[in-house]
Amino acid sequence: MILLLREPATPFQLEQMLLEHKFYIKTVVDIERRVLVGGGDLHADCEKELLKDGSRQQDIWAASFMPLTGRIMFDSMVNLRPRQNRTMEIIDPNIRQRVAQIIIEFLGDV
């Protein structure tokens, strides 16, 4: 189930986001507005929700989160950008850090 979060998830919300992939959650975050969407089949599903909520494409970054291990995988088609990021993996260490901070803040301590 796709959920838009502006604050840390509850245990129930985390369960809902895990329904699609069982062991990991596809997430997309707006690093400027500090909003997270998670739980879609594709990162693009989550991206669409952030865009509808008013996020700007340049501020949206995708990653997958494994709650059991705390591992974050920074690979997604959403991250491909001619001007900002030329691979599926987030290359800029500052952006990676900001994405990780938001994911851990919203999903890591549940």
C-alpha atoms as a PDB file:
ATOM      1  CA  MET A   1       0.000   0.000   0.000  1.00  0.00           C
ATOM      2  CA  ILE A   2       1.358   3.417  -0.944  1.00  0.00           C
ATOM      3  CA  LEU A   3       1.533   5.877   1.938  1.00  0.00           C
ATOM      4  CA  LEU A   4       2.653   9.506   2.035  1.00  0.00           C
ATOM      5  CA  LEU A   5       4.414  10.382   5.291  1.00  0.00           C
ATOM      6  CA  ARG A   6       5.292  13.741   6.770  1.00  0.00           C
ATOM      7  CA  GLU A   7       6.349  12.213  10.097  1.00  0.00           C
ATOM      8  CA  PRO A   8       7.745   8.848  11.262  1.00  0.00           C
ATOM      9  CA  ALA A   9       5.682   5.793  10.353  1.00  0.00           C
ATOM     10  CA  THR A  10       3.743   3.797  12.897  1.00  0.00           C
ATOM     11  CA  PRO A  11       4.305   0.018  13.079  1.00  0.00           C
ATOM     12  CA  PHE A  12       0.977  -0.467  11.272  1.00  0.00           C
ATOM     13  CA  GLN A  13       1.996   1.903   8.466  1.00  0.00           C
ATOM     14  CA  LEU A  14       5.309   0.052   8.073  1.00  0.00           C
ATOM     15  CA  GLU A  15       3.388  -3.242   7.770  1.00  0.00           C
ATOM     16  CA  GLN A  16       1.140  -1.701   5.118  1.00  0.00           C
ATOM     17  CA  MET A  17       4.122  -0.519   3.064  1.00  0.00           C
ATOM     18  CA  LEU A  18       5.698  -3.994   3.257  1.00  0.00           C
ATOM     19  CA  LEU A  19       2.643  -5.664   1.675  1.00  0.00           C
ATOM     20  CA  GLU A  20       3.915  -5.179  -1.886  1.00  0.00           C
ATOM     21  CA  HIS A  21       7.438  -6.644  -1.568  1.00  0.00           C
ATOM     22  CA  LYS A  22       7.460  -8.333   1.895  1.00  0.00           C
ATOM     23  CA  PHE A  23      11.127  -7.685   2.825  1.00  0.00           C
ATOM     24  CA  TYR A  24      11.771  -4.212   1.466  1.00  0.00           C
ATOM     25  CA  ILE A  25       9.947  -0.966   0.790  1.00  0.00           C
ATOM     26  CA  LYS A  26      10.321   1.072  -2.376  1.00  0.00           C
ATOM     27  CA  THR A  27      10.570   4.676  -1.224  1.00  0.00           C
ATOM     28  CA  VAL A  28      10.784   8.069  -2.864  1.00  0.00           C
ATOM     29  CA  VAL A  29      11.681  11.144  -0.836  1.00  0.00           C
ATOM     30  CA  ASP A  30      11.532  14.870  -1.394  1.00  0.00           C
ATOM     31  CA  ILE A  31      14.802  16.021   0.157  1.00  0.00           C
ATOM     32  CA  GLU A  32      13.689  19.664   0.368  1.00  0.00           C
ATOM     33  CA  ARG A  33      10.184  19.216   1.778  1.00  0.00           C
ATOM     34  CA  ARG A  34      11.200  16.166   3.888  1.00  0.00           C
ATOM     35  CA  VAL A  35       8.290  14.041   2.709  1.00  0.00           C
ATOM     36  CA  LEU A  36       8.484  10.283   2.070  1.00  0.00           C
ATOM     37  CA  VAL A  37       6.225   8.069  -0.015  1.00  0.00           C
ATOM     38  CA  GLY A  38       6.657   4.320   0.270  1.00  0.00           C
ATOM     39  CA  GLY A  39       5.010   1.013  -0.501  1.00  0.00           C
ATOM     40  CA  GLY A  40       4.494   1.043  -4.253  1.00  0.00           C
ATOM     41  CA  ASP A  41       5.196  -1.766  -6.680  1.00  0.00           C
ATOM     42  CA  LEU A  42       7.511   0.623  -8.551  1.00  0.00           C
ATOM     43  CA  HIS A  43       9.439   3.669  -7.400  1.00  0.00           C
ATOM     44  CA  ALA A  44       7.558   5.529 -10.146  1.00  0.00           C
ATOM     45  CA  ASP A  45       4.271   4.838  -8.324  1.00  0.00           C
ATOM     46  CA  CYS A  46       5.631   6.648  -5.268  1.00  0.00           C
ATOM     47  CA  GLU A  47       7.172   9.403  -7.397  1.00  0.00           C
ATOM     48  CA  LYS A  48       3.763  10.119  -8.915  1.00  0.00           C
ATOM     49  CA  GLU A  49       2.269  10.657  -5.451  1.00  0.00           C
ATOM     50  CA  LEU A  50       4.977  13.149  -4.497  1.00  0.00           C
ATOM     51  CA  LEU A  51       4.489  15.078  -7.730  1.00  0.00           C
ATOM     52  CA  LYS A  52       0.727  15.230  -7.070  1.00  0.00           C
ATOM     53  CA  ASP A  53       1.528  16.527  -3.575  1.00  0.00           C
ATOM     54  CA  GLY A  54       3.533  19.444  -4.976  1.00  0.00           C
ATOM     55  CA  SER A  55       7.117  18.165  -5.016  1.00  0.00           C
ATOM     56  CA  ARG A  56       9.536  19.296  -7.722  1.00  0.00           C
ATOM     57  CA  GLN A  57      11.190  16.602  -9.839  1.00  0.00           C
ATOM     58  CA  GLN A  58      14.687  17.885  -9.027  1.00  0.00           C
ATOM     59  CA  ASP A  59      14.072  17.284  -5.289  1.00  0.00           C
ATOM     60  CA  ILE A  60      12.746  13.717  -5.645  1.00  0.00           C
ATOM     61  CA  TRP A  61      15.065  10.738  -5.128  1.00  0.00           C
ATOM     62  CA  ALA A  62      14.326   7.015  -4.873  1.00  0.00           C
ATOM     63  CA  ALA A  63      15.741   4.178  -2.798  1.00  0.00           C
ATOM     64  CA  SER A  64      14.638   0.850  -1.356  1.00  0.00           C
ATOM     65  CA  PHE A  65      14.723   0.167   2.383  1.00  0.00           C
ATOM     66  CA  MET A  66      15.018  -3.198   4.139  1.00  0.00           C
ATOM     67  CA  PRO A  67      13.593  -2.723   7.664  1.00  0.00           C
ATOM     68  CA  LEU A  68      15.009  -5.978   9.054  1.00  0.00           C
ATOM     69  CA  THR A  69      18.618  -5.082   8.234  1.00  0.00           C
ATOM     70  CA  GLY A  70      18.424  -1.299   7.899  1.00  0.00           C
ATOM     71  CA  ARG A  71      20.018  -1.562   4.453  1.00  0.00           C
ATOM     72  CA  ILE A  72      19.257   1.173   1.915  1.00  0.00           C
ATOM     73  CA  MET A  73      19.704   0.545  -1.815  1.00  0.00           C
ATOM     74  CA  PHE A  74      19.968   3.758  -3.829  1.00  0.00           C
ATOM     75  CA  ASP A  75      19.136   2.300  -7.281  1.00  0.00           C
ATOM     76  CA  SER A  76      16.075   3.329  -9.283  1.00  0.00           C
ATOM     77  CA  MET A  77      15.091   4.540 -12.732  1.00  0.00           C
ATOM     78  CA  VAL A  78      13.635   7.588 -10.942  1.00  0.00           C
ATOM     79  CA  ASN A  79      17.216   8.694 -10.174  1.00  0.00           C
ATOM     80  CA  LEU A  80      18.254   8.940 -13.846  1.00  0.00           C
ATOM     81  CA  ARG A  81      18.586  12.618 -14.788  1.00  0.00           C
ATOM     82  CA  PRO A  82      20.621  14.139 -17.614  1.00  0.00           C
ATOM     83  CA  ARG A  83      21.572  17.205 -15.556  1.00  0.00           C
ATOM     84  CA  GLN A  84      21.685  15.840 -12.020  1.00  0.00           C
ATOM     85  CA  ASN A  85      22.498  12.114 -12.013  1.00  0.00           C
ATOM     86  CA  ARG A  86      23.528  10.016 -15.002  1.00  0.00           C
ATOM     87  CA  THR A  87      23.008   6.580 -13.441  1.00  0.00           C
ATOM     88  CA  MET A  88      20.243   4.707 -11.655  1.00  0.00           C
ATOM     89  CA  GLU A  89      22.293   4.894  -8.457  1.00  0.00           C
ATOM     90  CA  ILE A  90      22.417   8.198  -6.574  1.00  0.00           C
ATOM     91  CA  ILE A  91      26.000   9.374  -7.133  1.00  0.00           C
ATOM     92  CA  ASP A  92      26.189  12.611  -5.122  1.00  0.00           C
ATOM     93  CA  PRO A  93      27.210  11.700  -1.537  1.00  0.00           C
ATOM     94  CA  ASN A  94      25.330  14.686  -0.101  1.00  0.00           C
ATOM     95  CA  ILE A  95      22.071  13.649  -1.768  1.00  0.00           C
ATOM     96  CA  ARG A  96      22.605  10.014  -0.676  1.00  0.00           C
ATOM     97  CA  GLN A  97      23.107  11.183   2.893  1.00  0.00           C
ATOM     98  CA  ARG A  98      19.964  13.342   2.850  1.00  0.00           C
ATOM     99  CA  VAL A  99      17.890  10.499   1.372  1.00  0.00           C
ATOM    100  CA  ALA A 100      19.245   8.053   3.968  1.00  0.00           C
ATOM    101  CA  GLN A 101      18.562  10.473   6.841  1.00  0.00           C
ATOM    102  CA  ILE A 102      14.927  10.894   5.822  1.00  0.00           C
ATOM    103  CA  ILE A 103      14.399   7.152   5.324  1.00  0.00           C
ATOM    104  CA  ILE A 104      15.939   6.310   8.711  1.00  0.00           C
ATOM    105  CA  GLU A 105      13.993   9.091  10.424  1.00  0.00           C
ATOM    106  CA  PHE A 106      10.666   7.981   8.936  1.00  0.00           C
ATOM    107  CA  LEU A 107      11.087   4.181   8.760  1.00  0.00           C
ATOM    108  CA  GLY A 108      14.207   3.136  10.663  1.00  0.00           C
ATOM    109  CA  ASP A 109      13.116   3.232  14.285  1.00  0.00           C
ATOM    110  CA  VAL A 110       9.725   1.556  13.913  1.00  0.00           C
END
